[in-house]
Amino acid sequence: MFLEERRQAILDLVQVQGRVSVSDLSARFGVSDVTIRADLQALADQGALLRTHGGAIPIGAGLHELSLTKRRQQQVMEKARIAAAAAELVGHGEAIFLDSSSTTLAMVEHIKDRRDLTVVTNSLVVAQDLLGLPNLSVVMPGGTLHHDTASLIDASGLALLSRYRIVRGFFGAHGLTLEDGLTDVSEPEAALKRPLVKMCRQVVILLDGTKWGRAGIASFAEVREIDVVVTDQGAPSSMVEAVCALDLQVRVV
């Protein structure tokens, strides 16, 4: 196969699959990883695709965020099961973090009966839903309002949280891959999540089956930083097994 034919075939795969990895392309076309990286960079330079760590995604994929309202309407039943299962991990008297993802938001109804619970969140929607409950305290870091996610994003506002012992952090993600870890479609969101992941003693990821094998443009955690993944029956068994092999706990609901 000539160079231009290979590059066109790579571009076709990116459009069909939504993402490609260097290792998979190298095996498919029988060329070295160095050659594939050169192909991907050349296509990126032409504006034909977007390079990611370890692969590539289509131009425009993940470069805009779905509004929170739209995201809450996707995979509704799966997210409900995942949220209920994740909420079982929350005990009385703990301090937890909830991010602004739609799946994490679905947890709120399941934790309102916890006693002496402190909820740290950057989500205005989470804070509003917990408003007025005497058994819960809500703590919000400072930041700039991000309209699409109705959240505060600014890592400089996290200093306040250093006084709290956050037992568990619950995070959603645009996608999870072994190469890229957890990724988001917004660099500001990812920049906020990176230090928060490190502040939580246990990191719990809420991930519906469509998110496995997907990669956004900004990584916020490596796979080794994850403790628990709560997902649904749509998660690919091969990836679940690969993650479990890394001593991560995966709960399929």
Protein backbone atom coordinates (compact mmCIF):
# COMPACT_ATOMS: atom_id res chain seq x y z
CA MET A 1 0.00 0.00 0.00
CA PHE A 2 1.34 3.41 -0.98
CA LEU A 3 1.79 6.13 1.61
CA GLU A 4 -1.19 8.22 0.44
CA GLU A 5 -3.42 5.15 0.30
CA ARG A 6 -2.47 4.24 3.86
CA ARG A 7 -3.15 7.74 5.10
CA GLN A 8 -6.53 7.83 3.41
CA ALA A 9 -7.36 4.47 4.96
CA ILE A 10 -6.34 5.82 8.38
CA LEU A 11 -8.55 8.85 7.88
CA ASP A 12 -11.48 6.60 6.91
CA LEU A 13 -10.98 4.53 10.07
CA VAL A 14 -10.94 7.66 12.24
CA GLN A 15 -14.26 8.77 10.79
CA VAL A 16 -15.88 5.34 11.17
CA GLN A 17 -14.52 4.37 14.60
CA GLY A 18 -14.38 7.78 16.24
CA ARG A 19 -10.80 7.23 17.40
CA VAL A 20 -7.71 5.20 16.46
CA SER A 21 -4.59 4.22 18.35
CA VAL A 22 -1.00 4.05 17.10
CA SER A 23 -0.60 0.42 18.17
CA ASP A 24 -3.78 -0.75 16.41
CA LEU A 25 -2.88 1.07 13.20
CA SER A 26 0.65 -0.29 13.29
CA ALA A 27 -0.66 -3.86 13.51
CA ARG A 28 -3.35 -3.27 10.87
CA PHE A 29 -1.01 -1.84 8.24
CA GLY A 30 2.12 -3.79 9.13
CA VAL A 31 4.33 -0.74 9.67
CA SER A 32 6.19 0.65 12.66
CA ASP A 33 4.74 2.89 15.36
CA VAL A 34 7.12 5.62 14.16
CA THR A 35 5.62 5.44 10.67
CA ILE A 36 2.06 5.64 12.01
CA ARG A 37 2.91 8.62 14.21
CA ALA A 38 4.33 10.35 11.15
CA ASP A 39 1.14 9.58 9.22
CA LEU A 40 -1.06 10.93 11.99
CA GLN A 41 1.02 14.06 12.37
CA ALA A 42 0.90 14.68 8.62
CA LEU A 43 -2.88 14.30 8.61
CA ALA A 44 -3.13 16.57 11.65
CA ASP A 45 -0.97 19.18 9.92
CA GLN A 46 -3.43 19.07 7.00
CA GLY A 47 -6.32 19.65 9.39
CA ALA A 48 -7.80 16.24 8.58
CA LEU A 49 -7.84 14.88 12.15
CA LEU A 50 -6.89 15.76 15.70
CA ARG A 51 -3.90 14.11 17.37
CA THR A 52 -4.30 12.74 20.88
CA HIS A 53 -1.85 11.01 23.16
CA GLY A 54 -1.46 7.56 21.60
CA GLY A 55 -3.73 8.09 18.61
CA ALA A 56 -6.17 10.44 16.92
CA ILE A 57 -9.84 11.48 16.81
CA PRO A 58 -11.90 13.25 14.12
CA ILE A 59 -11.79 17.00 13.80
CA GLY A 60 -14.65 18.42 15.84
CA ALA A 61 -15.02 15.34 18.05
CA GLY A 62 -15.16 16.48 21.62
CA LEU A 63 -14.30 20.07 20.75
CA HIS A 64 -17.66 21.31 21.91
CA GLU A 65 -19.50 20.27 25.01
CA LEU A 66 -23.04 19.04 25.05
CA SER A 67 -25.13 21.14 27.39
CA LEU A 68 -25.97 19.57 30.73
CA THR A 69 -29.63 19.31 29.73
CA LYS A 70 -28.79 17.28 26.61
CA ARG A 71 -26.35 15.04 28.46
CA ARG A 72 -28.95 14.24 31.11
CA GLN A 73 -31.22 12.93 28.35
CA GLN A 74 -28.65 10.40 27.09
CA GLN A 75 -28.32 6.83 28.45
CA VAL A 76 -30.91 7.73 31.09
CA MET A 77 -31.62 4.23 32.43
CA GLU A 78 -27.96 3.24 32.48
CA LYS A 79 -26.97 6.41 34.30
CA ALA A 80 -29.72 5.86 36.86
CA ARG A 81 -28.42 2.37 37.69
CA ILE A 82 -24.82 3.55 37.82
CA ALA A 83 -25.70 6.48 40.08
CA ALA A 84 -27.67 4.28 42.50
CA ALA A 85 -24.81 1.79 42.74
CA ALA A 86 -22.23 4.54 43.24
CA ALA A 87 -24.33 6.11 46.00
CA GLU A 88 -24.10 2.85 47.97
CA LEU A 89 -20.43 3.68 48.56
CA VAL A 90 -21.32 6.88 50.45
CA GLY A 91 -21.45 6.51 54.22
CA HIS A 92 -22.67 8.72 57.04
CA GLY A 93 -20.33 11.41 58.33
CA GLU A 94 -18.08 11.46 55.27
CA ALA A 95 -16.80 14.24 53.05
CA ILE A 96 -17.20 13.43 49.35
CA PHE A 97 -16.66 15.22 46.06
CA LEU A 98 -19.23 15.24 43.25
CA ASP A 99 -18.25 16.69 39.90
CA SER A 100 -20.57 18.34 37.36
CA SER A 101 -21.19 15.31 35.14
CA SER A 102 -24.75 14.22 34.40
CA THR A 103 -24.21 10.74 35.86
CA THR A 104 -22.82 12.12 39.10
CA LEU A 105 -25.77 14.51 39.30
CA ALA A 106 -28.07 11.48 39.26
CA MET A 107 -26.47 10.36 42.55
CA VAL A 108 -27.90 13.30 44.48
CA GLU A 109 -31.34 11.78 45.13
CA HIS A 110 -29.70 8.68 46.59
CA ILE A 111 -27.54 10.45 49.19
CA LYS A 112 -30.01 12.94 50.68
CA ASP A 113 -30.68 10.67 53.67
CA ARG A 114 -27.03 10.47 54.77
CA ARG A 115 -26.31 11.99 58.18
CA ASP A 116 -23.56 14.56 58.71
CA LEU A 117 -22.47 14.34 55.08
CA THR A 118 -20.25 17.03 53.58
CA VAL A 119 -20.57 17.35 49.81
CA VAL A 120 -17.80 19.20 48.04
CA THR A 121 -18.86 20.11 44.50
CA ASN A 122 -18.19 22.57 41.70
CA SER A 123 -21.68 21.93 40.28
CA LEU A 124 -24.31 24.61 40.81
CA VAL A 125 -27.01 22.04 40.07
CA VAL A 126 -25.76 19.64 42.76
CA ALA A 127 -25.55 22.49 45.27
CA GLN A 128 -29.07 23.64 44.42
CA ASP A 129 -30.51 20.13 44.72
CA LEU A 130 -28.99 19.77 48.21
CA LEU A 131 -30.00 23.24 49.35
CA GLY A 132 -31.84 23.35 52.65
CA LEU A 133 -31.12 19.82 53.85
CA PRO A 134 -30.09 20.15 57.53
CA ASN A 135 -28.21 16.85 57.57
CA LEU A 136 -25.86 17.89 54.72
CA SER A 137 -23.21 20.54 54.32
CA VAL A 138 -22.28 21.79 50.85
CA VAL A 139 -18.86 23.25 50.09
CA MET A 140 -18.05 24.94 46.78
CA PRO A 141 -14.65 26.13 45.57
CA GLY A 142 -14.41 29.51 43.92
CA GLY A 143 -14.14 29.78 40.17
CA THR A 144 -15.46 31.03 36.87
CA LEU A 145 -18.96 29.98 35.85
CA HIS A 146 -19.02 27.56 32.94
CA HIS A 147 -22.46 27.83 31.39
CA ASP A 148 -22.66 24.51 29.48
CA THR A 149 -22.01 22.45 32.61
CA ALA A 150 -23.44 24.90 35.16
CA SER A 151 -20.23 24.55 37.13
CA LEU A 152 -17.38 26.59 38.55
CA ILE A 153 -14.05 25.94 36.84
CA ASP A 154 -10.84 27.45 38.14
CA ALA A 155 -8.18 25.34 39.83
CA SER A 156 -6.94 28.41 41.72
CA GLY A 157 -10.09 28.24 43.85
CA LEU A 158 -9.24 24.83 45.31
CA ALA A 159 -7.12 26.06 48.23
CA LEU A 160 -10.22 26.11 50.44
CA LEU A 161 -10.62 22.35 50.06
CA SER A 162 -7.27 21.48 51.63
CA ARG A 163 -8.92 21.58 55.08
CA TYR A 164 -11.27 18.71 54.19
CA ARG A 165 -10.48 15.01 54.25
CA ILE A 166 -12.31 13.96 51.11
CA VAL A 167 -12.94 10.23 51.48
CA ARG A 168 -14.30 9.62 47.99
CA GLY A 169 -14.46 11.59 44.79
CA PHE A 170 -17.09 10.74 42.17
CA PHE A 171 -16.17 11.74 38.63
CA GLY A 172 -17.73 11.38 35.22
CA ALA A 173 -15.65 11.46 32.03
CA HIS A 174 -15.98 11.83 28.29
CA GLY A 175 -14.10 8.58 27.91
CA LEU A 176 -11.65 6.01 29.27
CA THR A 177 -8.81 4.28 27.45
CA LEU A 178 -5.83 2.38 28.80
CA GLU A 179 -3.48 4.72 26.94
CA ASP A 180 -5.06 8.08 27.71
CA GLY A 181 -6.76 7.31 31.01
CA LEU A 182 -9.75 9.50 31.83
CA THR A 183 -10.36 12.35 29.42
CA ASP A 184 -12.68 15.30 29.05
CA VAL A 185 -13.71 17.46 26.10
CA SER A 186 -12.76 20.67 27.88
CA GLU A 187 -9.25 21.55 29.01
CA PRO A 188 -10.54 23.91 31.75
CA GLU A 189 -12.71 21.10 33.17
CA ALA A 190 -9.79 18.67 33.01
CA ALA A 191 -7.49 21.22 34.66
CA LEU A 192 -9.90 21.45 37.59
CA LYS A 193 -10.31 17.69 37.92
CA ARG A 194 -6.59 16.84 37.92
CA PRO A 195 -5.83 18.24 41.40
CA LEU A 196 -9.21 17.09 42.71
CA VAL A 197 -8.41 13.49 41.77
CA LYS A 198 -5.26 13.71 43.87
CA MET A 199 -7.16 15.22 46.83
CA CYS A 200 -9.56 12.26 47.08
CA ARG A 201 -8.54 9.18 49.05
CA GLN A 202 -10.65 7.01 46.76
CA VAL A 203 -11.45 7.88 43.14
CA VAL A 204 -14.73 6.48 41.82
CA ILE A 205 -15.54 6.82 38.12
CA LEU A 206 -19.12 6.73 36.84
CA LEU A 207 -18.96 5.58 33.24
CA ASP A 208 -21.74 4.29 31.01
CA GLY A 209 -20.92 1.70 28.36
CA THR A 210 -20.62 4.22 25.52
CA LYS A 211 -17.62 5.92 27.16
CA TRP A 212 -15.23 2.95 27.10
CA GLY A 213 -12.59 3.26 24.38
CA ARG A 214 -13.36 6.95 23.78
CA ALA A 215 -10.88 9.76 24.25
CA GLY A 216 -11.46 13.48 24.62
CA ILE A 217 -8.88 16.16 24.06
CA ALA A 218 -7.68 16.58 27.66
CA SER A 219 -6.64 13.89 30.15
CA PHE A 220 -7.31 14.40 33.85
CA ALA A 221 -6.31 11.07 35.41
CA GLU A 222 -4.24 8.03 34.58
CA VAL A 223 -5.78 4.59 34.92
CA ARG A 224 -3.54 3.85 37.93
CA GLU A 225 -5.14 6.77 39.81
CA ILE A 226 -8.60 5.15 39.65
CA ASP A 227 -9.86 2.93 42.45
CA VAL A 228 -13.38 1.99 41.35
CA VAL A 229 -15.29 2.15 38.06
CA VAL A 230 -19.08 1.82 38.15
CA THR A 231 -20.48 1.01 34.72
CA ASP A 232 -23.30 -0.81 32.94
CA GLN A 233 -23.76 -3.96 30.89
CA GLY A 234 -22.77 -2.09 27.71
CA ALA A 235 -19.12 -1.88 28.79
CA PRO A 236 -16.88 -3.94 26.47
CA SER A 237 -15.82 -7.10 28.31
CA SER A 238 -12.28 -7.01 26.89
CA MET A 239 -11.64 -3.54 28.29
CA VAL A 240 -13.27 -4.38 31.61
CA GLU A 241 -10.98 -7.39 31.95
CA ALA A 242 -7.94 -5.29 31.03
CA VAL A 243 -8.84 -2.70 33.68
CA CYS A 244 -9.50 -5.35 36.32
CA ALA A 245 -6.08 -6.81 35.56
CA LEU A 246 -4.62 -3.51 36.80
CA ASP A 247 -6.15 -4.11 40.26
CA LEU A 248 -9.04 -1.72 39.72
CA GLN A 249 -12.46 -2.65 41.01
CA VAL A 250 -15.16 -2.60 38.31
CA ARG A 251 -18.82 -2.79 39.29
CA VAL A 252 -21.13 -3.66 36.38
CA VAL A 253 -24.79 -2.87 37.07
